[in-house]
Amino acid sequence: GGDGSFYQVKRGLEHLIMENVDYN
């Protein structure tokens, strides 16, 4: 729809960090 995705992605990153998932 043309809207920014930043806050959706930021939430996903926070879940990765919270659950100690290896990520880059």
PDBML (XML) file of the C-alpha atoms, coordinates in Angstrom:
<?xml version="1.0" encoding="UTF-8" ?>
<PDBx:datablock datablockName="MODEL"
   xmlns:PDBx="http://pdbml.pdb.org/schema/pdbx-v50.xsd"
   xmlns:xsi="http://www.w3.org/2001/XMLSchema-instance"
   xsi:schemaLocation="http://pdbml.pdb.org/schema/pdbx-v50.xsd pdbx-v50.xsd">
   <PDBx:atom_siteCategory>
      <PDBx:atom_site id="1">
         <PDBx:B_iso_or_equiv>0.00</PDBx:B_iso_or_equiv>
         <PDBx:Cartn_x>0.000</PDBx:Cartn_x>
         <PDBx:Cartn_y>0.000</PDBx:Cartn_y>
         <PDBx:Cartn_z>0.000</PDBx:Cartn_z>
         <PDBx:auth_asym_id>A</PDBx:auth_asym_id>
         <PDBx:auth_atom_id>CA</PDBx:auth_atom_id>
         <PDBx:auth_comp_id>GLY</PDBx:auth_comp_id>
         <PDBx:auth_seq_id>1</PDBx:auth_seq_id>
         <PDBx:group_PDB>ATOM</PDBx:group_PDB>
         <PDBx:label_alt_id xsi:nil="true" />
         <PDBx:label_asym_id>A</PDBx:label_asym_id>
         <PDBx:label_atom_id>CA</PDBx:label_atom_id>
         <PDBx:label_comp_id>GLY</PDBx:label_comp_id>
         <PDBx:label_entity_id>1</PDBx:label_entity_id>
         <PDBx:label_seq_id>1</PDBx:label_seq_id>
         <PDBx:occupancy>1.00</PDBx:occupancy>
         <PDBx:pdbx_PDB_model_num>1</PDBx:pdbx_PDB_model_num>
         <PDBx:type_symbol>C</PDBx:type_symbol>
      </PDBx:atom_site>
      <PDBx:atom_site id="2">
         <PDBx:B_iso_or_equiv>0.00</PDBx:B_iso_or_equiv>
         <PDBx:Cartn_x>3.021</PDBx:Cartn_x>
         <PDBx:Cartn_y>2.275</PDBx:Cartn_y>
         <PDBx:Cartn_z>-0.062</PDBx:Cartn_z>
         <PDBx:auth_asym_id>A</PDBx:auth_asym_id>
         <PDBx:auth_atom_id>CA</PDBx:auth_atom_id>
         <PDBx:auth_comp_id>GLY</PDBx:auth_comp_id>
         <PDBx:auth_seq_id>2</PDBx:auth_seq_id>
         <PDBx:group_PDB>ATOM</PDBx:group_PDB>
         <PDBx:label_alt_id xsi:nil="true" />
         <PDBx:label_asym_id>A</PDBx:label_asym_id>
         <PDBx:label_atom_id>CA</PDBx:label_atom_id>
         <PDBx:label_comp_id>GLY</PDBx:label_comp_id>
         <PDBx:label_entity_id>1</PDBx:label_entity_id>
         <PDBx:label_seq_id>2</PDBx:label_seq_id>
         <PDBx:occupancy>1.00</PDBx:occupancy>
         <PDBx:pdbx_PDB_model_num>1</PDBx:pdbx_PDB_model_num>
         <PDBx:type_symbol>C</PDBx:type_symbol>
      </PDBx:atom_site>
      <PDBx:atom_site id="3">
         <PDBx:B_iso_or_equiv>0.00</PDBx:B_iso_or_equiv>
         <PDBx:Cartn_x>3.356</PDBx:Cartn_x>
         <PDBx:Cartn_y>2.654</PDBx:Cartn_y>
         <PDBx:Cartn_z>3.703</PDBx:Cartn_z>
         <PDBx:auth_asym_id>A</PDBx:auth_asym_id>
         <PDBx:auth_atom_id>CA</PDBx:auth_atom_id>
         <PDBx:auth_comp_id>ASP</PDBx:auth_comp_id>
         <PDBx:auth_seq_id>3</PDBx:auth_seq_id>
         <PDBx:group_PDB>ATOM</PDBx:group_PDB>
         <PDBx:label_alt_id xsi:nil="true" />
         <PDBx:label_asym_id>A</PDBx:label_asym_id>
         <PDBx:label_atom_id>CA</PDBx:label_atom_id>
         <PDBx:label_comp_id>ASP</PDBx:label_comp_id>
         <PDBx:label_entity_id>1</PDBx:label_entity_id>
         <PDBx:label_seq_id>3</PDBx:label_seq_id>
         <PDBx:occupancy>1.00</PDBx:occupancy>
         <PDBx:pdbx_PDB_model_num>1</PDBx:pdbx_PDB_model_num>
         <PDBx:type_symbol>C</PDBx:type_symbol>
      </PDBx:atom_site>
      <PDBx:atom_site id="4">
         <PDBx:B_iso_or_equiv>0.00</PDBx:B_iso_or_equiv>
         <PDBx:Cartn_x>6.687</PDBx:Cartn_x>
         <PDBx:Cartn_y>2.446</PDBx:Cartn_y>
         <PDBx:Cartn_z>5.515</PDBx:Cartn_z>
         <PDBx:auth_asym_id>A</PDBx:auth_asym_id>
         <PDBx:auth_atom_id>CA</PDBx:auth_atom_id>
         <PDBx:auth_comp_id>GLY</PDBx:auth_comp_id>
         <PDBx:auth_seq_id>4</PDBx:auth_seq_id>
         <PDBx:group_PDB>ATOM</PDBx:group_PDB>
         <PDBx:label_alt_id xsi:nil="true" />
         <PDBx:label_asym_id>A</PDBx:label_asym_id>
         <PDBx:label_atom_id>CA</PDBx:label_atom_id>
         <PDBx:label_comp_id>GLY</PDBx:label_comp_id>
         <PDBx:label_entity_id>1</PDBx:label_entity_id>
         <PDBx:label_seq_id>4</PDBx:label_seq_id>
         <PDBx:occupancy>1.00</PDBx:occupancy>
         <PDBx:pdbx_PDB_model_num>1</PDBx:pdbx_PDB_model_num>
         <PDBx:type_symbol>C</PDBx:type_symbol>
      </PDBx:atom_site>
      <PDBx:atom_site id="5">
         <PDBx:B_iso_or_equiv>0.00</PDBx:B_iso_or_equiv>
         <PDBx:Cartn_x>7.658</PDBx:Cartn_x>
         <PDBx:Cartn_y>-0.897</PDBx:Cartn_y>
         <PDBx:Cartn_z>7.053</PDBx:Cartn_z>
         <PDBx:auth_asym_id>A</PDBx:auth_asym_id>
         <PDBx:auth_atom_id>CA</PDBx:auth_atom_id>
         <PDBx:auth_comp_id>SER</PDBx:auth_comp_id>
         <PDBx:auth_seq_id>5</PDBx:auth_seq_id>
         <PDBx:group_PDB>ATOM</PDBx:group_PDB>
         <PDBx:label_alt_id xsi:nil="true" />
         <PDBx:label_asym_id>A</PDBx:label_asym_id>
         <PDBx:label_atom_id>CA</PDBx:label_atom_id>
         <PDBx:label_comp_id>SER</PDBx:label_comp_id>
         <PDBx:label_entity_id>1</PDBx:label_entity_id>
         <PDBx:label_seq_id>5</PDBx:label_seq_id>
         <PDBx:occupancy>1.00</PDBx:occupancy>
         <PDBx:pdbx_PDB_model_num>1</PDBx:pdbx_PDB_model_num>
         <PDBx:type_symbol>C</PDBx:type_symbol>
      </PDBx:atom_site>
      <PDBx:atom_site id="6">
         <PDBx:B_iso_or_equiv>0.00</PDBx:B_iso_or_equiv>
         <PDBx:Cartn_x>10.141</PDBx:Cartn_x>
         <PDBx:Cartn_y>0.324</PDBx:Cartn_y>
         <PDBx:Cartn_z>9.681</PDBx:Cartn_z>
         <PDBx:auth_asym_id>A</PDBx:auth_asym_id>
         <PDBx:auth_atom_id>CA</PDBx:auth_atom_id>
         <PDBx:auth_comp_id>PHE</PDBx:auth_comp_id>
         <PDBx:auth_seq_id>6</PDBx:auth_seq_id>
         <PDBx:group_PDB>ATOM</PDBx:group_PDB>
         <PDBx:label_alt_id xsi:nil="true" />
         <PDBx:label_asym_id>A</PDBx:label_asym_id>
         <PDBx:label_atom_id>CA</PDBx:label_atom_id>
         <PDBx:label_comp_id>PHE</PDBx:label_comp_id>
         <PDBx:label_entity_id>1</PDBx:label_entity_id>
         <PDBx:label_seq_id>6</PDBx:label_seq_id>
         <PDBx:occupancy>1.00</PDBx:occupancy>
         <PDBx:pdbx_PDB_model_num>1</PDBx:pdbx_PDB_model_num>
         <PDBx:type_symbol>C</PDBx:type_symbol>
      </PDBx:atom_site>
      <PDBx:atom_site id="7">
         <PDBx:B_iso_or_equiv>0.00</PDBx:B_iso_or_equiv>
         <PDBx:Cartn_x>8.099</PDBx:Cartn_x>
         <PDBx:Cartn_y>-0.304</PDBx:Cartn_y>
         <PDBx:Cartn_z>12.815</PDBx:Cartn_z>
         <PDBx:auth_asym_id>A</PDBx:auth_asym_id>
         <PDBx:auth_atom_id>CA</PDBx:auth_atom_id>
         <PDBx:auth_comp_id>TYR</PDBx:auth_comp_id>
         <PDBx:auth_seq_id>7</PDBx:auth_seq_id>
         <PDBx:group_PDB>ATOM</PDBx:group_PDB>
         <PDBx:label_alt_id xsi:nil="true" />
         <PDBx:label_asym_id>A</PDBx:label_asym_id>
         <PDBx:label_atom_id>CA</PDBx:label_atom_id>
         <PDBx:label_comp_id>TYR</PDBx:label_comp_id>
         <PDBx:label_entity_id>1</PDBx:label_entity_id>
         <PDBx:label_seq_id>7</PDBx:label_seq_id>
         <PDBx:occupancy>1.00</PDBx:occupancy>
         <PDBx:pdbx_PDB_model_num>1</PDBx:pdbx_PDB_model_num>
         <PDBx:type_symbol>C</PDBx:type_symbol>
      </PDBx:atom_site>
      <PDBx:atom_site id="8">
         <PDBx:B_iso_or_equiv>0.00</PDBx:B_iso_or_equiv>
         <PDBx:Cartn_x>7.003</PDBx:Cartn_x>
         <PDBx:Cartn_y>-3.773</PDBx:Cartn_y>
         <PDBx:Cartn_z>11.668</PDBx:Cartn_z>
         <PDBx:auth_asym_id>A</PDBx:auth_asym_id>
         <PDBx:auth_atom_id>CA</PDBx:auth_atom_id>
         <PDBx:auth_comp_id>GLN</PDBx:auth_comp_id>
         <PDBx:auth_seq_id>8</PDBx:auth_seq_id>
         <PDBx:group_PDB>ATOM</PDBx:group_PDB>
         <PDBx:label_alt_id xsi:nil="true" />
         <PDBx:label_asym_id>A</PDBx:label_asym_id>
         <PDBx:label_atom_id>CA</PDBx:label_atom_id>
         <PDBx:label_comp_id>GLN</PDBx:label_comp_id>
         <PDBx:label_entity_id>1</PDBx:label_entity_id>
         <PDBx:label_seq_id>8</PDBx:label_seq_id>
         <PDBx:occupancy>1.00</PDBx:occupancy>
         <PDBx:pdbx_PDB_model_num>1</PDBx:pdbx_PDB_model_num>
         <PDBx:type_symbol>C</PDBx:type_symbol>
      </PDBx:atom_site>
      <PDBx:atom_site id="9">
         <PDBx:B_iso_or_equiv>0.00</PDBx:B_iso_or_equiv>
         <PDBx:Cartn_x>10.641</PDBx:Cartn_x>
         <PDBx:Cartn_y>-4.682</PDBx:Cartn_y>
         <PDBx:Cartn_z>11.037</PDBx:Cartn_z>
         <PDBx:auth_asym_id>A</PDBx:auth_asym_id>
         <PDBx:auth_atom_id>CA</PDBx:auth_atom_id>
         <PDBx:auth_comp_id>VAL</PDBx:auth_comp_id>
         <PDBx:auth_seq_id>9</PDBx:auth_seq_id>
         <PDBx:group_PDB>ATOM</PDBx:group_PDB>
         <PDBx:label_alt_id xsi:nil="true" />
         <PDBx:label_asym_id>A</PDBx:label_asym_id>
         <PDBx:label_atom_id>CA</PDBx:label_atom_id>
         <PDBx:label_comp_id>VAL</PDBx:label_comp_id>
         <PDBx:label_entity_id>1</PDBx:label_entity_id>
         <PDBx:label_seq_id>9</PDBx:label_seq_id>
         <PDBx:occupancy>1.00</PDBx:occupancy>
         <PDBx:pdbx_PDB_model_num>1</PDBx:pdbx_PDB_model_num>
         <PDBx:type_symbol>C</PDBx:type_symbol>
      </PDBx:atom_site>
      <PDBx:atom_site id="10">
         <PDBx:B_iso_or_equiv>0.00</PDBx:B_iso_or_equiv>
         <PDBx:Cartn_x>11.786</PDBx:Cartn_x>
         <PDBx:Cartn_y>-3.129</PDBx:Cartn_y>
         <PDBx:Cartn_z>14.311</PDBx:Cartn_z>
         <PDBx:auth_asym_id>A</PDBx:auth_asym_id>
         <PDBx:auth_atom_id>CA</PDBx:auth_atom_id>
         <PDBx:auth_comp_id>LYS</PDBx:auth_comp_id>
         <PDBx:auth_seq_id>10</PDBx:auth_seq_id>
         <PDBx:group_PDB>ATOM</PDBx:group_PDB>
         <PDBx:label_alt_id xsi:nil="true" />
         <PDBx:label_asym_id>A</PDBx:label_asym_id>
         <PDBx:label_atom_id>CA</PDBx:label_atom_id>
         <PDBx:label_comp_id>LYS</PDBx:label_comp_id>
         <PDBx:label_entity_id>1</PDBx:label_entity_id>
         <PDBx:label_seq_id>10</PDBx:label_seq_id>
         <PDBx:occupancy>1.00</PDBx:occupancy>
         <PDBx:pdbx_PDB_model_num>1</PDBx:pdbx_PDB_model_num>
         <PDBx:type_symbol>C</PDBx:type_symbol>
      </PDBx:atom_site>
      <PDBx:atom_site id="11">
         <PDBx:B_iso_or_equiv>0.00</PDBx:B_iso_or_equiv>
         <PDBx:Cartn_x>9.253</PDBx:Cartn_x>
         <PDBx:Cartn_y>-5.274</PDBx:Cartn_y>
         <PDBx:Cartn_z>16.166</PDBx:Cartn_z>
         <PDBx:auth_asym_id>A</PDBx:auth_asym_id>
         <PDBx:auth_atom_id>CA</PDBx:auth_atom_id>
         <PDBx:auth_comp_id>ARG</PDBx:auth_comp_id>
         <PDBx:auth_seq_id>11</PDBx:auth_seq_id>
         <PDBx:group_PDB>ATOM</PDBx:group_PDB>
         <PDBx:label_alt_id xsi:nil="true" />
         <PDBx:label_asym_id>A</PDBx:label_asym_id>
         <PDBx:label_atom_id>CA</PDBx:label_atom_id>
         <PDBx:label_comp_id>ARG</PDBx:label_comp_id>
         <PDBx:label_entity_id>1</PDBx:label_entity_id>
         <PDBx:label_seq_id>11</PDBx:label_seq_id>
         <PDBx:occupancy>1.00</PDBx:occupancy>
         <PDBx:pdbx_PDB_model_num>1</PDBx:pdbx_PDB_model_num>
         <PDBx:type_symbol>C</PDBx:type_symbol>
      </PDBx:atom_site>
      <PDBx:atom_site id="12">
         <PDBx:B_iso_or_equiv>0.00</PDBx:B_iso_or_equiv>
         <PDBx:Cartn_x>10.574</PDBx:Cartn_x>
         <PDBx:Cartn_y>-8.368</PDBx:Cartn_y>
         <PDBx:Cartn_z>14.396</PDBx:Cartn_z>
         <PDBx:auth_asym_id>A</PDBx:auth_asym_id>
         <PDBx:auth_atom_id>CA</PDBx:auth_atom_id>
         <PDBx:auth_comp_id>GLY</PDBx:auth_comp_id>
         <PDBx:auth_seq_id>12</PDBx:auth_seq_id>
         <PDBx:group_PDB>ATOM</PDBx:group_PDB>
         <PDBx:label_alt_id xsi:nil="true" />
         <PDBx:label_asym_id>A</PDBx:label_asym_id>
         <PDBx:label_atom_id>CA</PDBx:label_atom_id>
         <PDBx:label_comp_id>GLY</PDBx:label_comp_id>
         <PDBx:label_entity_id>1</PDBx:label_entity_id>
         <PDBx:label_seq_id>12</PDBx:label_seq_id>
         <PDBx:occupancy>1.00</PDBx:occupancy>
         <PDBx:pdbx_PDB_model_num>1</PDBx:pdbx_PDB_model_num>
         <PDBx:type_symbol>C</PDBx:type_symbol>
      </PDBx:atom_site>
      <PDBx:atom_site id="13">
         <PDBx:B_iso_or_equiv>0.00</PDBx:B_iso_or_equiv>
         <PDBx:Cartn_x>14.138</PDBx:Cartn_x>
         <PDBx:Cartn_y>-7.492</PDBx:Cartn_y>
         <PDBx:Cartn_z>15.395</PDBx:Cartn_z>
         <PDBx:auth_asym_id>A</PDBx:auth_asym_id>
         <PDBx:auth_atom_id>CA</PDBx:auth_atom_id>
         <PDBx:auth_comp_id>LEU</PDBx:auth_comp_id>
         <PDBx:auth_seq_id>13</PDBx:auth_seq_id>
         <PDBx:group_PDB>ATOM</PDBx:group_PDB>
         <PDBx:label_alt_id xsi:nil="true" />
         <PDBx:label_asym_id>A</PDBx:label_asym_id>
         <PDBx:label_atom_id>CA</PDBx:label_atom_id>
         <PDBx:label_comp_id>LEU</PDBx:label_comp_id>
         <PDBx:label_entity_id>1</PDBx:label_entity_id>
         <PDBx:label_seq_id>13</PDBx:label_seq_id>
         <PDBx:occupancy>1.00</PDBx:occupancy>
         <PDBx:pdbx_PDB_model_num>1</PDBx:pdbx_PDB_model_num>
         <PDBx:type_symbol>C</PDBx:type_symbol>
      </PDBx:atom_site>
      <PDBx:atom_site id="14">
         <PDBx:B_iso_or_equiv>0.00</PDBx:B_iso_or_equiv>
         <PDBx:Cartn_x>13.037</PDBx:Cartn_x>
         <PDBx:Cartn_y>-7.012</PDBx:Cartn_y>
         <PDBx:Cartn_z>18.997</PDBx:Cartn_z>
         <PDBx:auth_asym_id>A</PDBx:auth_asym_id>
         <PDBx:auth_atom_id>CA</PDBx:auth_atom_id>
         <PDBx:auth_comp_id>GLU</PDBx:auth_comp_id>
         <PDBx:auth_seq_id>14</PDBx:auth_seq_id>
         <PDBx:group_PDB>ATOM</PDBx:group_PDB>
         <PDBx:label_alt_id xsi:nil="true" />
         <PDBx:label_asym_id>A</PDBx:label_asym_id>
         <PDBx:label_atom_id>CA</PDBx:label_atom_id>
         <PDBx:label_comp_id>GLU</PDBx:label_comp_id>
         <PDBx:label_entity_id>1</PDBx:label_entity_id>
         <PDBx:label_seq_id>14</PDBx:label_seq_id>
         <PDBx:occupancy>1.00</PDBx:occupancy>
         <PDBx:pdbx_PDB_model_num>1</PDBx:pdbx_PDB_model_num>
         <PDBx:type_symbol>C</PDBx:type_symbol>
      </PDBx:atom_site>
      <PDBx:atom_site id="15">
         <PDBx:B_iso_or_equiv>0.00</PDBx:B_iso_or_equiv>
         <PDBx:Cartn_x>11.526</PDBx:Cartn_x>
         <PDBx:Cartn_y>-10.516</PDBx:Cartn_y>
         <PDBx:Cartn_z>18.984</PDBx:Cartn_z>
         <PDBx:auth_asym_id>A</PDBx:auth_asym_id>
         <PDBx:auth_atom_id>CA</PDBx:auth_atom_id>
         <PDBx:auth_comp_id>HIS</PDBx:auth_comp_id>
         <PDBx:auth_seq_id>15</PDBx:auth_seq_id>
         <PDBx:group_PDB>ATOM</PDBx:group_PDB>
         <PDBx:label_alt_id xsi:nil="true" />
         <PDBx:label_asym_id>A</PDBx:label_asym_id>
         <PDBx:label_atom_id>CA</PDBx:label_atom_id>
         <PDBx:label_comp_id>HIS</PDBx:label_comp_id>
         <PDBx:label_entity_id>1</PDBx:label_entity_id>
         <PDBx:label_seq_id>15</PDBx:label_seq_id>
         <PDBx:occupancy>1.00</PDBx:occupancy>
         <PDBx:pdbx_PDB_model_num>1</PDBx:pdbx_PDB_model_num>
         <PDBx:type_symbol>C</PDBx:type_symbol>
      </PDBx:atom_site>
      <PDBx:atom_site id="16">
         <PDBx:B_iso_or_equiv>0.00</PDBx:B_iso_or_equiv>
         <PDBx:Cartn_x>14.782</PDBx:Cartn_x>
         <PDBx:Cartn_y>-11.957</PDBx:Cartn_y>
         <PDBx:Cartn_z>17.622</PDBx:Cartn_z>
         <PDBx:auth_asym_id>A</PDBx:auth_asym_id>
         <PDBx:auth_atom_id>CA</PDBx:auth_atom_id>
         <PDBx:auth_comp_id>LEU</PDBx:auth_comp_id>
         <PDBx:auth_seq_id>16</PDBx:auth_seq_id>
         <PDBx:group_PDB>ATOM</PDBx:group_PDB>
         <PDBx:label_alt_id xsi:nil="true" />
         <PDBx:label_asym_id>A</PDBx:label_asym_id>
         <PDBx:label_atom_id>CA</PDBx:label_atom_id>
         <PDBx:label_comp_id>LEU</PDBx:label_comp_id>
         <PDBx:label_entity_id>1</PDBx:label_entity_id>
         <PDBx:label_seq_id>16</PDBx:label_seq_id>
         <PDBx:occupancy>1.00</PDBx:occupancy>
         <PDBx:pdbx_PDB_model_num>1</PDBx:pdbx_PDB_model_num>
         <PDBx:type_symbol>C</PDBx:type_symbol>
      </PDBx:atom_site>
      <PDBx:atom_site id="17">
         <PDBx:B_iso_or_equiv>0.00</PDBx:B_iso_or_equiv>
         <PDBx:Cartn_x>16.769</PDBx:Cartn_x>
         <PDBx:Cartn_y>-10.269</PDBx:Cartn_y>
         <PDBx:Cartn_z>20.381</PDBx:Cartn_z>
         <PDBx:auth_asym_id>A</PDBx:auth_asym_id>
         <PDBx:auth_atom_id>CA</PDBx:auth_atom_id>
         <PDBx:auth_comp_id>ILE</PDBx:auth_comp_id>
         <PDBx:auth_seq_id>17</PDBx:auth_seq_id>
         <PDBx:group_PDB>ATOM</PDBx:group_PDB>
         <PDBx:label_alt_id xsi:nil="true" />
         <PDBx:label_asym_id>A</PDBx:label_asym_id>
         <PDBx:label_atom_id>CA</PDBx:label_atom_id>
         <PDBx:label_comp_id>ILE</PDBx:label_comp_id>
         <PDBx:label_entity_id>1</PDBx:label_entity_id>
         <PDBx:label_seq_id>17</PDBx:label_seq_id>
         <PDBx:occupancy>1.00</PDBx:occupancy>
         <PDBx:pdbx_PDB_model_num>1</PDBx:pdbx_PDB_model_num>
         <PDBx:type_symbol>C</PDBx:type_symbol>
      </PDBx:atom_site>
      <PDBx:atom_site id="18">
         <PDBx:B_iso_or_equiv>0.00</PDBx:B_iso_or_equiv>
         <PDBx:Cartn_x>14.256</PDBx:Cartn_x>
         <PDBx:Cartn_y>-11.242</PDBx:Cartn_y>
         <PDBx:Cartn_z>23.078</PDBx:Cartn_z>
         <PDBx:auth_asym_id>A</PDBx:auth_asym_id>
         <PDBx:auth_atom_id>CA</PDBx:auth_atom_id>
         <PDBx:auth_comp_id>MET</PDBx:auth_comp_id>
         <PDBx:auth_seq_id>18</PDBx:auth_seq_id>
         <PDBx:group_PDB>ATOM</PDBx:group_PDB>
         <PDBx:label_alt_id xsi:nil="true" />
         <PDBx:label_asym_id>A</PDBx:label_asym_id>
         <PDBx:label_atom_id>CA</PDBx:label_atom_id>
         <PDBx:label_comp_id>MET</PDBx:label_comp_id>
         <PDBx:label_entity_id>1</PDBx:label_entity_id>
         <PDBx:label_seq_id>18</PDBx:label_seq_id>
         <PDBx:occupancy>1.00</PDBx:occupancy>
         <PDBx:pdbx_PDB_model_num>1</PDBx:pdbx_PDB_model_num>
         <PDBx:type_symbol>C</PDBx:type_symbol>
      </PDBx:atom_site>
      <PDBx:atom_site id="19">
         <PDBx:B_iso_or_equiv>0.00</PDBx:B_iso_or_equiv>
         <PDBx:Cartn_x>14.420</PDBx:Cartn_x>
         <PDBx:Cartn_y>-14.917</PDBx:Cartn_y>
         <PDBx:Cartn_z>22.097</PDBx:Cartn_z>
         <PDBx:auth_asym_id>A</PDBx:auth_asym_id>
         <PDBx:auth_atom_id>CA</PDBx:auth_atom_id>
         <PDBx:auth_comp_id>GLU</PDBx:auth_comp_id>
         <PDBx:auth_seq_id>19</PDBx:auth_seq_id>
         <PDBx:group_PDB>ATOM</PDBx:group_PDB>
         <PDBx:label_alt_id xsi:nil="true" />
         <PDBx:label_asym_id>A</PDBx:label_asym_id>
         <PDBx:label_atom_id>CA</PDBx:label_atom_id>
         <PDBx:label_comp_id>GLU</PDBx:label_comp_id>
         <PDBx:label_entity_id>1</PDBx:label_entity_id>
         <PDBx:label_seq_id>19</PDBx:label_seq_id>
         <PDBx:occupancy>1.00</PDBx:occupancy>
         <PDBx:pdbx_PDB_model_num>1</PDBx:pdbx_PDB_model_num>
         <PDBx:type_symbol>C</PDBx:type_symbol>
      </PDBx:atom_site>
      <PDBx:atom_site id="20">
         <PDBx:B_iso_or_equiv>0.00</PDBx:B_iso_or_equiv>
         <PDBx:Cartn_x>18.216</PDBx:Cartn_x>
         <PDBx:Cartn_y>-14.919</PDBx:Cartn_y>
         <PDBx:Cartn_z>21.619</PDBx:Cartn_z>
         <PDBx:auth_asym_id>A</PDBx:auth_asym_id>
         <PDBx:auth_atom_id>CA</PDBx:auth_atom_id>
         <PDBx:auth_comp_id>ASN</PDBx:auth_comp_id>
         <PDBx:auth_seq_id>20</PDBx:auth_seq_id>
         <PDBx:group_PDB>ATOM</PDBx:group_PDB>
         <PDBx:label_alt_id xsi:nil="true" />
         <PDBx:label_asym_id>A</PDBx:label_asym_id>
         <PDBx:label_atom_id>CA</PDBx:label_atom_id>
         <PDBx:label_comp_id>ASN</PDBx:label_comp_id>
         <PDBx:label_entity_id>1</PDBx:label_entity_id>
         <PDBx:label_seq_id>20</PDBx:label_seq_id>
         <PDBx:occupancy>1.00</PDBx:occupancy>
         <PDBx:pdbx_PDB_model_num>1</PDBx:pdbx_PDB_model_num>
         <PDBx:type_symbol>C</PDBx:type_symbol>
      </PDBx:atom_site>
      <PDBx:atom_site id="21">
         <PDBx:B_iso_or_equiv>0.00</PDBx:B_iso_or_equiv>
         <PDBx:Cartn_x>18.038</PDBx:Cartn_x>
         <PDBx:Cartn_y>-15.893</PDBx:Cartn_y>
         <PDBx:Cartn_z>17.966</PDBx:Cartn_z>
         <PDBx:auth_asym_id>A</PDBx:auth_asym_id>
         <PDBx:auth_atom_id>CA</PDBx:auth_atom_id>
         <PDBx:auth_comp_id>VAL</PDBx:auth_comp_id>
         <PDBx:auth_seq_id>21</PDBx:auth_seq_id>
         <PDBx:group_PDB>ATOM</PDBx:group_PDB>
         <PDBx:label_alt_id xsi:nil="true" />
         <PDBx:label_asym_id>A</PDBx:label_asym_id>
         <PDBx:label_atom_id>CA</PDBx:label_atom_id>
         <PDBx:label_comp_id>VAL</PDBx:label_comp_id>
         <PDBx:label_entity_id>1</PDBx:label_entity_id>
         <PDBx:label_seq_id>21</PDBx:label_seq_id>
         <PDBx:occupancy>1.00</PDBx:occupancy>
         <PDBx:pdbx_PDB_model_num>1</PDBx:pdbx_PDB_model_num>
         <PDBx:type_symbol>C</PDBx:type_symbol>
      </PDBx:atom_site>
      <PDBx:atom_site id="22">
         <PDBx:B_iso_or_equiv>0.00</PDBx:B_iso_or_equiv>
         <PDBx:Cartn_x>21.306</PDBx:Cartn_x>
         <PDBx:Cartn_y>-15.627</PDBx:Cartn_y>
         <PDBx:Cartn_z>16.061</PDBx:Cartn_z>
         <PDBx:auth_asym_id>A</PDBx:auth_asym_id>
         <PDBx:auth_atom_id>CA</PDBx:auth_atom_id>
         <PDBx:auth_comp_id>ASP</PDBx:auth_comp_id>
         <PDBx:auth_seq_id>22</PDBx:auth_seq_id>
         <PDBx:group_PDB>ATOM</PDBx:group_PDB>
         <PDBx:label_alt_id xsi:nil="true" />
         <PDBx:label_asym_id>A</PDBx:label_asym_id>
         <PDBx:label_atom_id>CA</PDBx:label_atom_id>
         <PDBx:label_comp_id>ASP</PDBx:label_comp_id>
         <PDBx:label_entity_id>1</PDBx:label_entity_id>
         <PDBx:label_seq_id>22</PDBx:label_seq_id>
         <PDBx:occupancy>1.00</PDBx:occupancy>
         <PDBx:pdbx_PDB_model_num>1</PDBx:pdbx_PDB_model_num>
         <PDBx:type_symbol>C</PDBx:type_symbol>
      </PDBx:atom_site>
      <PDBx:atom_site id="23">
         <PDBx:B_iso_or_equiv>0.00</PDBx:B_iso_or_equiv>
         <PDBx:Cartn_x>20.870</PDBx:Cartn_x>
         <PDBx:Cartn_y>-12.909</PDBx:Cartn_y>
         <PDBx:Cartn_z>13.464</PDBx:Cartn_z>
         <PDBx:auth_asym_id>A</PDBx:auth_asym_id>
         <PDBx:auth_atom_id>CA</PDBx:auth_atom_id>
         <PDBx:auth_comp_id>TYR</PDBx:auth_comp_id>
         <PDBx:auth_seq_id>23</PDBx:auth_seq_id>
         <PDBx:group_PDB>ATOM</PDBx:group_PDB>
         <PDBx:label_alt_id xsi:nil="true" />
         <PDBx:label_asym_id>A</PDBx:label_asym_id>
         <PDBx:label_atom_id>CA</PDBx:label_atom_id>
         <PDBx:label_comp_id>TYR</PDBx:label_comp_id>
         <PDBx:label_entity_id>1</PDBx:label_entity_id>
         <PDBx:label_seq_id>23</PDBx:label_seq_id>
         <PDBx:occupancy>1.00</PDBx:occupancy>
         <PDBx:pdbx_PDB_model_num>1</PDBx:pdbx_PDB_model_num>
         <PDBx:type_symbol>C</PDBx:type_symbol>
      </PDBx:atom_site>
      <PDBx:atom_site id="24">
         <PDBx:B_iso_or_equiv>0.00</PDBx:B_iso_or_equiv>
         <PDBx:Cartn_x>22.601</PDBx:Cartn_x>
         <PDBx:Cartn_y>-10.315</PDBx:Cartn_y>
         <PDBx:Cartn_z>11.338</PDBx:Cartn_z>
         <PDBx:auth_asym_id>A</PDBx:auth_asym_id>
         <PDBx:auth_atom_id>CA</PDBx:auth_atom_id>
         <PDBx:auth_comp_id>ASN</PDBx:auth_comp_id>
         <PDBx:auth_seq_id>24</PDBx:auth_seq_id>
         <PDBx:group_PDB>ATOM</PDBx:group_PDB>
         <PDBx:label_alt_id xsi:nil="true" />
         <PDBx:label_asym_id>A</PDBx:label_asym_id>
         <PDBx:label_atom_id>CA</PDBx:label_atom_id>
         <PDBx:label_comp_id>ASN</PDBx:label_comp_id>
         <PDBx:label_entity_id>1</PDBx:label_entity_id>
         <PDBx:label_seq_id>24</PDBx:label_seq_id>
         <PDBx:occupancy>1.00</PDBx:occupancy>
         <PDBx:pdbx_PDB_model_num>1</PDBx:pdbx_PDB_model_num>
         <PDBx:type_symbol>C</PDBx:type_symbol>
      </PDBx:atom_site>
   </PDBx:atom_siteCategory>
</PDBx:datablock>
